[in-house]
Protein backbone atom coordinates (compact mmCIF):
# COMPACT_ATOMS: atom_id res chain seq x y z
CA MET A 1 -20.16 -35.06 -30.14
CA LYS A 2 -21.66 -32.38 -28.00
CA ALA A 3 -20.27 -33.85 -24.90
CA LEU A 4 -16.85 -33.89 -26.46
CA TYR A 5 -17.16 -30.23 -27.49
CA CYS A 6 -18.07 -29.28 -23.77
CA ILE A 7 -15.15 -31.27 -22.41
CA SER A 8 -12.84 -29.55 -24.83
CA ILE A 9 -14.18 -25.97 -23.86
CA LEU A 10 -13.80 -27.03 -20.15
CA LEU A 11 -10.13 -28.28 -20.61
CA VAL A 12 -9.17 -25.09 -22.48
CA SER A 13 -10.66 -22.83 -19.91
CA MET A 14 -8.96 -24.69 -17.07
CA MET A 15 -5.78 -24.38 -18.95
CA THR A 16 -6.11 -20.60 -19.29
CA THR A 17 -7.04 -19.99 -15.71
CA THR A 18 -4.16 -22.16 -14.31
CA THR A 19 -1.51 -20.51 -16.58
CA GLY A 20 -0.51 -16.98 -17.30
CA LYS A 21 0.43 -14.06 -15.41
CA TYR A 22 -0.97 -12.18 -12.53
CA GLN A 23 0.17 -8.85 -11.16
CA THR A 24 -0.28 -6.27 -8.51
CA GLN A 25 1.03 -2.54 -8.39
CA THR A 26 -0.34 -2.08 -4.96
CA GLY A 27 0.94 -4.80 -2.68
CA ASP A 28 0.96 -3.96 0.93
CA VAL A 29 4.27 -4.67 2.92
CA GLY A 30 4.62 -4.10 6.49
CA LEU A 31 7.83 -4.20 8.54
CA ILE A 32 7.61 -4.68 12.32
CA PHE A 33 10.61 -3.98 14.55
CA ASP A 34 10.59 -5.25 18.12
CA LEU A 35 12.69 -2.58 19.66
CA THR A 36 13.68 -1.71 23.28
CA LEU A 37 11.79 1.59 22.72
CA GLY A 38 8.64 -0.26 21.85
CA GLU A 39 7.28 -1.76 18.54
CA MET A 40 8.02 0.22 15.54
CA LYS A 41 6.11 -0.28 12.21
CA ALA A 42 6.61 0.84 8.62
CA SER A 43 4.40 0.11 5.64
CA THR A 44 4.05 0.67 1.90
CA ASP A 45 1.20 0.01 -0.44
CA LYS A 46 3.38 0.41 -3.52
CA ALA A 47 5.08 -3.06 -3.92
CA THR A 48 4.85 -4.50 -7.44
CA SER A 49 4.85 -8.02 -8.20
CA THR A 50 4.20 -10.67 -11.00
CA LEU A 51 3.19 -14.20 -10.56
CA ASP A 52 3.85 -16.23 -13.70
CA PHE A 53 2.35 -19.72 -13.28
CA SER A 54 3.45 -21.02 -16.69
CA ALA A 55 7.02 -20.43 -15.67
CA GLU A 56 6.14 -21.12 -11.88
CA GLU A 57 8.04 -17.77 -10.96
CA VAL A 58 7.50 -14.84 -8.75
CA HIS A 59 8.97 -11.42 -9.12
CA PHE A 60 8.46 -8.93 -6.41
CA SER A 61 9.93 -5.46 -6.02
CA MET A 62 9.55 -2.44 -3.66
CA GLU A 63 11.11 0.91 -3.42
CA VAL A 64 12.73 1.49 -0.02
CA ASN A 65 11.69 5.24 0.11
CA SER A 66 8.01 4.19 -0.28
CA PHE A 67 7.92 2.91 3.28
CA ARG A 68 6.08 5.29 5.77
CA PHE A 69 6.88 5.07 9.45
CA GLU A 70 4.67 6.36 12.49
CA ASN A 71 7.65 8.29 13.60
CA PRO A 72 9.23 10.52 10.78
CA LEU A 73 12.55 10.75 12.71
CA LEU A 74 12.75 6.90 12.73
CA GLU A 75 11.75 6.85 9.09
CA LYS A 76 14.61 9.17 8.03
CA GLN A 77 17.16 7.21 10.07
CA PHE A 78 15.91 3.91 8.63
CA LYS A 79 16.04 5.11 4.89
CA GLU A 80 19.26 7.15 5.04
CA VAL A 81 21.36 5.48 7.63
CA TYR A 82 20.52 1.86 7.80
CA MET A 83 18.95 1.09 4.37
CA GLU A 84 21.07 3.77 2.41
CA SER A 85 18.09 4.06 0.03
CA ASP A 86 20.06 6.48 -2.25
CA LYS A 87 22.63 3.76 -2.80
CA TYR A 88 20.29 0.68 -2.63
CA PRO A 89 16.74 2.05 -3.75
CA LYS A 90 15.08 -1.23 -4.18
CA THR A 91 14.40 -4.62 -2.56
CA THR A 92 13.63 -7.50 -4.72
CA PHE A 93 12.68 -11.15 -4.57
CA ILE A 94 12.65 -13.58 -7.48
CA GLY A 95 11.73 -17.10 -6.87
CA LYS A 96 9.92 -20.39 -8.03
CA PHE A 97 6.96 -21.94 -6.32
CA LYS A 98 7.55 -25.29 -4.79
CA GLN A 99 3.92 -26.38 -5.01
CA VAL A 100 1.19 -26.27 -7.72
CA ILE A 101 -1.63 -23.93 -7.05
CA ASP A 102 -5.16 -25.43 -7.56
CA PHE A 103 -7.03 -22.60 -9.25
CA ASN A 104 -10.33 -24.46 -8.92
CA SER A 105 -10.07 -24.58 -5.09
CA PRO A 106 -11.66 -21.64 -3.06
CA LYS A 107 -9.55 -22.82 -0.07
CA ALA A 108 -6.51 -21.00 1.17
CA GLN A 109 -3.38 -23.04 -0.06
CA ALA A 110 -0.13 -22.88 1.80
CA VAL A 111 2.89 -22.65 -0.62
CA GLU A 112 6.67 -21.97 -0.36
CA VAL A 113 8.70 -20.07 -2.78
CA ASN A 114 12.50 -20.67 -3.12
CA GLY A 115 14.36 -17.80 -4.43
CA THR A 116 16.73 -14.89 -3.88
CA LEU A 117 16.02 -11.93 -1.59
CA GLN A 118 18.20 -8.89 -2.71
CA MET A 119 18.22 -6.15 -0.08
CA HIS A 120 20.73 -3.48 0.60
CA GLY A 121 22.98 -4.84 -2.39
CA ILE A 122 23.29 -8.36 -0.77
CA SER A 123 21.50 -11.38 -2.26
CA LYS A 124 20.50 -14.31 -0.09
CA SER A 125 18.62 -17.55 -0.80
CA ARG A 126 15.45 -17.76 0.93
CA THR A 127 12.34 -20.08 1.20
CA ILE A 128 9.43 -17.79 1.76
CA PRO A 129 5.99 -19.04 3.07
CA ALA A 130 2.83 -17.74 1.67
CA VAL A 131 -0.99 -18.49 1.55
CA ILE A 132 -2.72 -18.10 -1.69
CA THR A 133 -6.42 -17.79 -2.09
CA VAL A 134 -8.20 -17.89 -5.52
CA LYS A 135 -11.57 -16.11 -5.70
CA GLU A 136 -13.45 -15.04 -8.71
CA GLY A 137 -10.37 -15.18 -11.04
CA LYS A 138 -8.23 -13.18 -8.66
CA LEU A 139 -5.51 -14.13 -6.23
CA HIS A 140 -4.84 -13.00 -2.82
CA VAL A 141 -1.39 -13.64 -1.33
CA ARG A 142 -0.43 -13.29 2.42
CA SER A 143 3.08 -13.98 3.84
CA GLU A 144 4.86 -13.39 6.91
CA PHE A 145 8.50 -14.12 7.58
CA LEU A 146 11.62 -12.79 9.35
CA VAL A 147 14.63 -11.02 7.85
CA LYS A 148 17.83 -10.71 9.91
CA ALA A 149 19.00 -7.32 9.01
CA SER A 150 22.78 -8.24 9.35
CA ASP A 151 22.41 -10.94 6.75
CA HIS A 152 22.02 -8.13 4.26
CA GLY A 153 24.65 -5.83 5.60
CA ILE A 154 22.14 -3.66 7.39
CA ASN A 155 23.91 -2.62 10.57
CA ILE A 156 21.22 -1.78 13.24
CA PRO A 157 22.75 -2.37 16.58
CA SER A 158 21.35 -5.41 18.34
CA VAL A 159 20.82 -3.54 21.56
CA PHE A 160 18.01 -1.72 19.94
CA PHE A 161 16.10 -4.94 19.51
CA THR A 162 14.22 -6.29 22.52
CA SER A 163 15.35 -9.88 21.90
CA GLY A 164 18.89 -8.91 21.11
CA LYS A 165 18.40 -10.13 17.56
CA ASP A 166 18.28 -7.94 14.59
CA GLU A 167 15.25 -9.51 13.12
CA ILE A 168 12.58 -7.63 11.24
CA LYS A 169 9.10 -9.18 10.80
CA VAL A 170 7.76 -8.65 7.06
CA VAL A 171 4.04 -8.92 6.48
CA LEU A 172 2.82 -9.08 2.81
CA ASP A 173 -0.85 -8.74 1.66
CA ALA A 174 -1.42 -8.44 -2.03
CA ASP A 175 -4.26 -8.82 -4.48
CA TYR A 176 -3.22 -9.94 -8.05
CA VAL A 177 -5.20 -9.67 -11.12
CA LYS A 178 -4.78 -11.64 -14.53
CA MET A 179 -2.57 -9.72 -17.03
C-alpha cells in the first residue's frame, strides 16, 4: 500500500511539472544586421512570453520601441522609418510545439515551434527552432533564426546589406518560471 501511495505521489508530481504555464517578462532579444557599413546590433530585455505546455502553445510579444541600438541615429531610423513603430508597435509570435519536452531531462532539447510571426502588420507562417533546457523547475530557451524584412513589408534597401539580402538575424534568450 505504501508503494502504491509513493507511485501515486510521483505520478501527480510529474504531471504538475510537465503541464502548466511558464512565463517571462524579461526575455532578451537581439537583432543583428550585416550591413555594408558594418555589423549593427539592437537589443531588448523586455520581451514577454508564455509557454503553455497543457495546450502546447507559445505566445511571444515585444514592443518595437523597447529595442536599443549602439547608434542612436540608426535606432531612430529603424523605429520610425522602417518599422513604423507608431503604426505597428508590437511584434508577436504565436505557435505550437512540434515536440514534447521531457521535463525530467537536464539535457538541452532541440524543438521546433510552428506558428505565425506578426511583424509590421504582416503575418507569416514560420517554423522557429529553439533549444530548451530544464533546470531546477525553470526553463531556459534559446533560439536563433533569420527574418527577411521584405516578407513583412519592411523596406530596407538591399544595397545596405552586405549579402544583398534583407535578412536580419534574431537571437532569443529567455528564462521562464512557472506561473
